[in-house]
Protein backbone atom coordinates (compact mmCIF):
# COMPACT_ATOMS: atom_id res chain seq x y z
CA MET A 1 52.79 1.03 268.22
CA THR A 2 52.16 4.13 266.58
CA ALA A 3 48.37 3.72 267.34
CA THR A 4 49.22 3.84 270.80
CA LEU A 5 51.73 6.50 270.41
CA LEU A 6 48.65 8.84 268.92
CA GLU A 7 46.21 7.93 271.31
CA ILE A 8 48.95 9.10 274.04
CA GLY A 9 49.43 12.41 272.05
CA LYS A 10 45.71 12.79 271.98
CA GLN A 11 44.90 11.79 275.60
CA ALA A 12 47.56 14.34 276.71
CA ARG A 13 45.73 17.38 274.59
CA GLN A 14 42.66 16.73 276.18
CA ALA A 15 43.95 16.87 279.67
CA ALA A 16 46.24 19.80 278.43
CA ARG A 17 42.72 21.89 278.06
CA GLY A 18 41.65 20.95 281.43
CA LEU A 19 44.88 21.30 283.49
CA ALA A 20 45.37 25.08 282.07
CA LEU A 21 42.24 25.42 283.79
CA ALA A 22 43.30 24.14 287.24
CA SER A 23 43.11 26.49 290.57
CA SER A 24 46.83 26.58 292.10
CA ALA A 25 45.03 25.00 295.31
CA GLN A 26 44.45 21.92 293.47
CA LYS A 27 47.64 21.63 291.34
CA ASN A 28 49.17 21.95 294.37
CA LYS A 29 47.34 18.73 296.42
CA ALA A 30 48.19 16.82 293.79
CA LEU A 31 52.00 17.63 293.62
CA LYS A 32 51.97 17.19 297.87
CA ALA A 33 49.70 13.69 297.20
CA MET A 34 52.92 12.51 294.66
CA ALA A 35 55.27 13.14 297.55
CA ALA A 36 53.60 11.44 299.86
CA HIS A 37 53.19 8.72 297.13
CA ILE A 38 56.76 8.69 296.60
CA ARG A 39 57.69 8.43 300.34
CA ASN A 40 55.31 5.59 300.75
CA ASN A 41 56.48 3.52 297.73
CA ALA A 42 60.08 4.39 298.24
CA ALA A 43 60.55 0.68 299.07
CA ALA A 44 59.12 -0.27 295.16
CA ILE A 45 60.80 2.73 293.84
CA THR A 46 63.98 0.53 295.33
CA THR A 47 63.39 -2.47 294.14
CA ALA A 48 62.67 -1.76 290.32
CA ASN A 49 65.97 0.76 290.65
CA GLN A 50 68.12 -2.43 291.66
CA ASN A 51 66.70 -3.97 288.73
CA ASP A 52 67.60 -1.53 286.31
CA LEU A 53 71.49 -1.35 288.06
CA VAL A 54 72.13 -4.99 287.69
CA ALA A 55 71.07 -4.53 283.87
CA ALA A 56 73.19 -1.54 283.49
CA GLN A 57 76.47 -2.98 285.21
CA ALA A 58 76.08 -6.19 283.50
CA LYS A 59 76.76 -3.53 280.57
CA ASP A 60 79.68 -2.13 282.29
CA LEU A 61 79.02 1.17 281.94
CA LYS A 62 81.62 3.90 283.53
CA SER A 63 80.86 4.83 287.27
CA SER A 64 79.33 8.17 286.42
CA PHE A 65 76.09 6.90 284.37
CA ILE A 66 75.53 4.49 287.48
CA ASP A 67 75.75 7.25 289.52
CA ARG A 68 73.12 9.27 287.42
CA LEU A 69 71.08 6.07 287.66
CA THR A 70 71.16 5.23 291.01
CA LEU A 71 68.63 6.35 293.27
CA ASN A 72 69.45 5.43 296.97
CA GLU A 73 66.78 6.48 300.29
CA ALA A 74 68.64 10.03 300.13
CA ARG A 75 67.58 11.04 296.70
CA ILE A 76 64.57 9.30 297.03
CA GLU A 77 63.48 11.65 299.85
CA ALA A 78 65.09 14.72 297.90
CA MET A 79 62.67 13.65 295.04
CA ALA A 80 59.99 14.01 297.43
CA LYS A 81 60.90 16.95 298.76
CA GLY A 82 61.09 18.74 295.35
CA LEU A 83 58.03 17.87 294.61
CA GLU A 84 56.61 20.19 297.60
CA GLU A 85 58.89 22.50 297.22
CA ILE A 86 57.56 22.99 293.70
CA ALA A 87 53.92 23.27 295.15
CA ASP A 88 55.18 25.91 297.25
CA LEU A 89 56.76 28.33 293.90
CA ASN A 90 54.07 30.88 293.23
CA ASP A 91 52.06 29.32 290.73
CA PRO A 92 52.92 31.22 287.06
CA VAL A 93 49.69 30.46 285.08
CA GLY A 94 47.60 33.68 284.89
CA ARG A 95 50.18 35.99 286.29
CA VAL A 96 50.04 39.86 284.58
CA GLN A 97 53.29 40.58 283.29
CA GLU A 98 52.79 43.52 281.88
CA LYS A 99 49.76 45.82 281.40
CA TRP A 100 49.21 49.63 280.05
CA THR A 101 46.35 51.77 278.39
CA ARG A 102 46.52 53.11 275.32
CA PRO A 103 45.61 56.57 274.50
CA ASN A 104 42.19 55.26 272.96
CA GLY A 105 41.36 53.71 276.29
CA MET A 106 41.87 50.48 275.67
CA GLU A 107 43.67 48.49 278.58
CA ILE A 108 46.34 45.75 277.16
CA SER A 109 47.69 42.98 279.50
CA ARG A 110 50.03 40.49 279.25
CA VAL A 111 49.43 37.12 281.15
CA ALA A 112 51.27 34.21 281.25
CA VAL A 113 49.60 31.00 280.02
CA PRO A 114 50.81 27.19 279.53
CA ILE A 115 52.41 26.00 276.94
CA GLY A 116 50.85 23.24 276.09
CA VAL A 117 52.05 19.64 275.87
CA ILE A 118 55.45 19.12 276.57
CA GLY A 119 57.47 15.86 275.65
CA ILE A 120 60.53 15.02 277.49
CA ILE A 121 62.89 12.43 276.27
CA TYR A 122 65.87 11.77 278.73
CA GLU A 123 68.76 9.15 279.52
CA SER A 124 69.59 7.22 282.66
CA ARG A 125 68.28 10.09 285.22
CA PRO A 126 65.31 8.49 286.75
CA ASN A 127 64.38 11.71 288.93
CA VAL A 128 63.66 13.73 285.63
CA THR A 129 60.54 11.68 285.96
CA ALA A 130 59.27 13.29 288.71
CA ASP A 131 61.28 16.71 288.53
CA ALA A 132 59.54 16.85 284.73
CA GLY A 133 56.41 15.42 285.62
CA ALA A 134 56.17 18.26 288.50
CA LEU A 135 57.28 21.04 286.61
CA CYS A 136 55.08 20.79 283.99
CA LEU A 137 51.87 20.71 286.08
CA LYS A 138 52.65 23.19 287.73
CA SER A 139 52.71 25.42 285.40
CA GLY A 140 49.57 23.64 283.89
CA ASN A 141 51.27 21.63 280.70
CA ALA A 142 50.64 17.95 280.03
CA ALA A 143 53.74 16.10 279.97
CA ILE A 144 54.37 13.21 277.73
CA LEU A 145 57.31 11.23 279.49
CA ARG A 146 59.67 9.14 277.50
CA GLY A 147 63.14 7.83 279.46
CA GLY A 148 65.98 5.68 278.59
CA SER A 149 65.84 1.90 278.64
CA ASP A 150 68.45 1.69 281.69
CA GLY A 151 65.82 3.68 284.09
CA PHE A 152 62.92 2.43 282.77
CA ALA A 153 61.35 0.37 285.70
CA SER A 154 62.82 3.18 288.12
CA SER A 155 60.19 5.30 285.84
CA GLN A 156 57.78 3.02 285.71
CA ALA A 157 57.84 2.89 289.28
CA ILE A 158 57.91 6.43 290.13
CA ILE A 159 55.09 7.70 287.18
CA THR A 160 53.06 5.22 289.44
CA CYS A 161 53.24 7.41 292.27
CA LEU A 162 52.73 11.33 290.19
CA GLN A 163 49.31 9.46 288.23
CA ALA A 164 48.33 8.75 292.03
CA GLY A 165 49.12 11.43 293.12
CA LEU A 166 46.96 13.36 290.33
CA LYS A 167 44.12 11.10 290.54
CA ASP A 168 43.96 12.29 294.77
CA ALA A 169 43.47 15.80 293.72
CA GLY A 170 40.47 14.87 291.12
CA LEU A 171 43.11 15.72 288.20
CA ASP A 172 43.10 13.66 284.94
CA VAL A 173 45.73 11.31 285.27
CA ASN A 174 46.64 11.78 281.65
CA CYS A 175 48.61 14.94 282.50
CA ILE A 176 51.42 13.31 283.05
CA GLN A 177 52.33 9.90 281.06
CA MET A 178 54.84 7.95 279.85
CA ILE A 179 55.53 6.07 276.59
CA PRO A 180 55.30 2.25 277.40
CA THR A 181 58.75 1.48 275.23
CA THR A 182 62.42 2.22 275.13
CA ASP A 183 61.88 1.43 271.27
CA ARG A 184 64.09 4.65 269.62
CA GLU A 185 60.75 4.45 267.04
CA SER A 186 59.36 6.12 269.79
CA VAL A 187 61.44 9.04 269.74
CA GLY A 188 61.06 9.68 266.41
CA ALA A 189 57.37 9.45 266.60
CA MET A 190 57.87 12.50 268.97
CA LEU A 191 59.52 14.69 267.38
CA THR A 192 57.78 14.82 264.61
CA SER A 193 54.79 15.89 267.32
CA LEU A 194 52.91 13.17 267.67
CA ASN A 195 50.43 14.17 265.07
CA GLY A 196 50.48 17.78 266.17
CA THR A 197 49.65 17.30 269.88
CA ILE A 198 53.05 18.37 271.51
CA ASP A 199 53.91 21.32 271.61
CA LEU A 200 57.35 21.65 272.70
CA ILE A 201 60.46 19.03 273.25
CA VAL A 202 62.71 18.97 275.83
CA PRO A 203 65.54 16.35 275.45
CA ARG A 204 67.96 15.78 278.48
CA GLY A 205 70.88 13.05 277.66
CA GLY A 206 74.04 12.81 275.93
CA LYS A 207 75.12 14.57 273.02
CA ASN A 208 73.99 12.05 270.78
CA LEU A 209 70.42 12.10 271.75
CA VAL A 210 70.42 16.01 271.68
CA ALA A 211 71.60 16.34 268.85
CA ARG A 212 69.23 14.43 266.72
CA VAL A 213 66.62 15.61 269.01
CA GLN A 214 68.02 19.35 267.18
CA SER A 215 68.25 17.90 263.93
CA GLU A 216 65.01 15.70 263.42
CA ALA A 217 62.54 17.83 265.84
CA ARG A 218 59.58 19.05 264.07
CA VAL A 219 58.39 21.69 266.77
CA PRO A 220 60.28 23.72 269.22
CA VAL A 221 63.26 22.37 271.42
CA PHE A 222 64.53 23.18 274.50
CA SER A 223 68.06 22.16 275.07
CA HIS A 224 72.06 21.71 275.34
CA LEU A 225 73.92 20.38 273.48
CA GLU A 226 76.87 19.41 276.30
CA GLY A 227 78.27 21.31 279.80
CA ILE A 228 81.48 22.58 278.95
CA CYS A 229 82.28 23.92 282.27
CA HIS A 230 85.04 25.99 282.86
CA VAL A 231 86.69 27.83 286.44
CA TYR A 232 89.16 30.34 285.64
CA VAL A 233 91.67 31.12 288.69
CA ASP A 234 92.41 34.49 288.89
CA LYS A 235 95.65 35.59 289.79
CA ALA A 236 93.93 37.66 292.00
CA ALA A 237 92.33 34.52 293.53
CA ASP A 238 92.47 33.53 297.52
CA LEU A 239 94.47 30.12 296.58
CA GLU A 240 92.23 27.93 299.16
CA MET A 241 88.77 28.98 297.85
CA ALA A 242 90.31 28.19 294.23
CA ARG A 243 91.03 24.86 295.78
CA ALA A 244 87.72 24.15 297.36
CA ILE A 245 85.76 25.19 294.33
CA VAL A 246 87.63 23.55 291.66
CA LEU A 247 87.63 20.18 293.66
CA ASN A 248 83.83 20.95 293.91
CA ALA A 249 83.66 21.72 290.56
CA LYS A 250 84.94 19.02 288.94
CA MET A 251 84.65 16.19 291.74
CA ARG A 252 81.33 16.52 293.85
CA ARG A 253 79.42 14.74 290.71
CA THR A 254 81.43 14.18 287.64
CA GLY A 255 78.16 12.78 285.74
CA VAL A 256 76.08 16.61 286.16
CA CYS A 257 75.99 18.93 283.19
CA GLY A 258 77.51 21.51 285.71
CA SER A 259 80.57 19.51 286.48
CA ALA A 260 84.04 21.23 284.95
CA GLU A 261 85.60 19.90 282.78
CA THR A 262 88.39 22.87 282.17
CA ILE A 263 90.33 24.56 284.72
CA LEU A 264 92.16 27.77 283.32
CA VAL A 265 94.94 29.11 285.65
CA ASP A 266 96.23 32.53 285.01
CA ARG A 267 99.50 32.61 283.71
CA ALA A 268 100.50 35.81 286.11
CA LYS A 269 100.75 33.66 288.90
CA PRO A 270 102.30 30.35 287.98
CA GLU A 271 102.76 29.33 291.92
CA ASN A 272 98.86 28.32 291.61
CA LEU A 273 99.33 25.45 289.03
CA LYS A 274 100.52 23.06 290.78
CA PRO A 275 98.72 23.11 294.56
CA ILE A 276 95.12 23.15 292.51
CA ILE A 277 96.70 20.08 290.39
CA ARG A 278 97.44 18.20 293.15
CA THR A 279 94.05 18.50 294.79
CA LEU A 280 92.20 17.07 291.80
CA ILE A 281 94.78 14.24 291.86
CA ASP A 282 94.94 13.38 295.32
CA ALA A 283 91.01 13.24 294.72
CA GLY A 284 92.07 10.71 291.92
CA CYS A 285 90.81 13.13 288.84
CA GLU A 286 93.11 12.59 285.52
CA ILE A 287 94.73 15.61 284.93
CA ARG A 288 95.63 16.35 280.75
CA GLY A 289 97.12 19.49 280.47
CA ASP A 290 98.99 22.12 278.54
CA ALA A 291 103.08 22.06 278.80
CA GLU A 292 103.26 24.35 281.29
CA SER A 293 100.95 22.01 283.52
CA MET A 294 102.60 18.90 282.68
CA ALA A 295 105.85 20.38 283.68
CA ALA A 296 104.30 21.75 287.07
CA ASP A 297 103.03 17.78 287.95
CA ALA A 298 104.56 14.89 286.22
CA ALA A 299 101.33 13.09 286.57
CA VAL A 300 99.87 15.20 284.08
CA LYS A 301 99.19 13.56 280.95
CA PRO A 302 99.21 15.78 277.80
CA ALA A 303 95.49 17.64 276.26
CA SER A 304 94.90 16.79 272.79
CA GLU A 305 93.07 19.98 271.09
CA ALA A 306 89.80 18.02 271.33
CA ASP A 307 90.30 17.71 274.81
CA TRP A 308 89.72 21.89 275.66
CA SER A 309 85.97 21.01 274.33
CA THR A 310 85.27 17.47 275.64
CA GLU A 311 82.38 16.94 278.53
CA TYR A 312 84.04 13.97 280.30
CA LEU A 313 81.26 13.50 282.76
CA ASP A 314 84.19 11.45 284.35
CA ALA A 315 86.79 11.87 286.46
CA ILE A 316 88.78 13.63 284.30
CA VAL A 317 89.47 17.28 283.67
CA SER A 318 91.46 19.60 281.14
CA VAL A 319 93.85 21.93 282.72
CA LYS A 320 95.35 25.00 280.69
CA MET A 321 97.52 28.41 281.79
CA VAL A 322 96.08 31.69 280.30
CA ASP A 323 96.87 35.69 280.08
CA GLY A 324 94.62 37.02 282.62
CA VAL A 325 90.94 37.25 282.43
CA GLU A 326 90.92 38.36 278.76
CA GLY A 327 92.91 34.99 277.85
CA ALA A 328 90.28 32.82 279.95
CA ILE A 329 87.17 34.75 278.01
CA GLN A 330 89.12 34.58 274.49
CA HIS A 331 89.20 30.50 276.02
CA ILE A 332 85.77 29.99 276.74
CA ALA A 333 84.34 31.94 273.96
CA LYS A 334 86.32 29.71 271.76
CA TYR A 335 85.76 25.73 273.53
CA GLY A 336 82.95 26.84 275.64
CA SER A 337 79.30 25.41 275.54
CA GLN A 338 77.75 28.71 276.39
CA HIS A 339 76.79 26.26 279.61
CA THR A 340 77.90 27.34 283.16
CA ASP A 341 81.48 28.95 283.63
CA SER A 342 83.11 30.72 286.65
CA ILE A 343 85.60 32.59 287.92
CA VAL A 344 87.92 32.79 291.29
CA THR A 345 89.24 35.91 292.03
CA SER A 346 89.00 38.55 295.22
CA GLU A 347 89.43 41.73 292.64
CA GLN A 348 85.94 42.69 291.71
CA LYS A 349 86.71 44.80 288.59
CA ILE A 350 88.02 41.53 287.18
CA ALA A 351 85.06 39.77 288.59
CA GLU A 352 82.73 41.88 286.55
CA LYS A 353 84.61 42.08 283.09
CA PHE A 354 84.02 38.21 283.57
CA LEU A 355 80.16 38.12 284.45
CA SER A 356 79.78 40.88 281.63
CA GLU A 357 81.77 38.90 278.86
CA VAL A 358 81.43 35.02 279.11
CA ASP A 359 78.35 34.62 277.44
CA SER A 360 77.03 32.11 278.77
CA ALA A 361 73.50 30.74 280.34
CA ILE A 362 75.36 30.70 283.96
CA VAL A 363 78.64 32.83 284.97
CA LEU A 364 79.55 32.74 288.26
CA HIS A 365 82.04 34.74 290.83
CA ASN A 366 83.94 32.63 293.88
CA ALA A 367 81.15 29.71 293.28
CA SER A 368 80.98 26.32 291.94
CA THR A 369 79.76 25.28 288.90
CA GLN A 370 77.95 22.56 290.69
CA PHE A 371 75.40 25.57 291.32
CA ALA A 372 73.68 25.18 287.86
CA ASP A 373 70.64 23.52 288.90
CA GLY A 374 67.39 24.73 289.38
CA GLY A 375 66.64 23.69 292.98
CA GLU A 376 69.93 25.55 293.84
CA PHE A 377 68.18 28.49 292.06
CA GLY A 378 65.23 28.07 294.07
CA PHE A 379 63.26 27.18 291.23
CA GLY A 380 62.47 23.65 293.27
CA ALA A 381 63.88 21.48 290.00
CA GLU A 382 64.37 22.23 286.75
CA ILE A 383 63.44 20.52 283.34
CA GLY A 384 67.28 21.35 282.06
CA ILE A 385 69.58 23.81 281.68
CA ALA A 386 68.72 25.78 278.04
CA THR A 387 72.03 27.34 276.44
CA GLY A 388 69.94 28.55 273.51
CA LYS A 389 69.01 32.22 273.76
CA MET A 390 65.50 32.22 272.69
CA HIS A 391 62.43 32.05 275.40
CA ALA A 392 64.46 29.95 277.90
CA ARG A 393 67.43 30.43 279.41
CA GLY A 394 69.50 28.54 282.12
CA PRO A 395 67.54 26.41 284.49
CA VAL A 396 64.15 25.55 283.20
CA GLY A 397 61.45 25.94 285.68
CA VAL A 398 58.18 26.75 286.04
CA GLU A 399 58.71 30.10 284.56
CA GLN A 400 60.28 29.36 281.87
CA LEU A 401 57.55 26.61 280.69
CA THR A 402 54.63 29.43 280.25
CA THR A 403 54.53 31.30 277.46
CA PHE A 404 52.08 34.64 277.29
CA LYS A 405 49.15 36.04 275.05
CA TYR A 406 47.74 39.24 275.41
CA GLN A 407 44.14 40.29 276.54
CA ILE A 408 42.39 43.36 275.12
CA ARG A 409 39.74 45.24 276.85
CA GLY A 410 38.16 47.43 275.68
CA ASN A 411 34.70 49.79 275.82
CA GLY A 412 33.30 50.21 272.22
CA GLN A 413 36.61 51.26 270.10
CA ILE A 414 36.49 50.86 266.73
CA ARG A 415 40.36 51.03 264.35
CA PRO A 416 39.82 54.29 261.88
């Protein structure tokens, strides 16, 4: 298998050189062809996904995991539409980011260029196969995908469609490749760069996977460890708006990284606490709260210290009363993961304080944390949400998958 992996890396490096020079029209043709192949092969993708689901259900995995794994008709169509939306985006490659002329007459330009070969390691979500492959293609990067064992058949069905689209557009099918095994040793091989052929690793998965990648990778990593997202309901919040936002932030899809895991309520308006708790309980959510939350509703279970820093990815949420926006900011600074946090308030000054002082990749005012998604940002899709502070932060789309180089044009200048 080592020889196979090294050959995949070699093929990706060669494909990346050609892809970096491909025209926007050629890349867009490939993306639209991929979308057509996904629609035309929806039945085959569904069958493969059903096989994955049967195996996953036999393992008695939790419902949120099964939800992430599931590809229904609507999700397959969304996947195809996402490819078309990426095709419609501006091509980031070759964009002049800045340009200036030095006193000696030299003209300096900073120009966006592809990163090269990107390795994506992900778990359970087969739609990542299409999203990641398409974003890498649009940004001029070759992609090596290593999907999780639970969605392996689904991902293989999708990769077949992507490579068919590449072929239709006259591009090297090795621009997007999938590791043909779920052996964990393949992850280790990717983290050591496949003999120098991988330039960047992007992990999408649980805490254990991302921690391993960050610990072992010998190449740069775009990642976040957890999505411990908060919604803070201020004393000046419209209660009905707050209830709707909290419900959506937690329960729309509990297994996504933008799902709220902690609800903070301003102690200055305690009457907001019970209706917010009851809204969640009525929707089937388990509440783990502080003493004030337990007093507000007998159904609330006691929260442990660990609950404030737990990413449940399930219909469970922790609830706590805090002393105003300052208390919310302090709590988020202590327990948050710098992913996504939201404030609900009608006071603009309070909102601006929250937006300015909460040090997260995405901060919202009067909106659900579930908008932490590249598609919702107009990026077409995302390869992940980066919570680091170097190069990329927040949804990683085509712009974030480029680096830059300086092009200098002179007319005979020499340095004295």
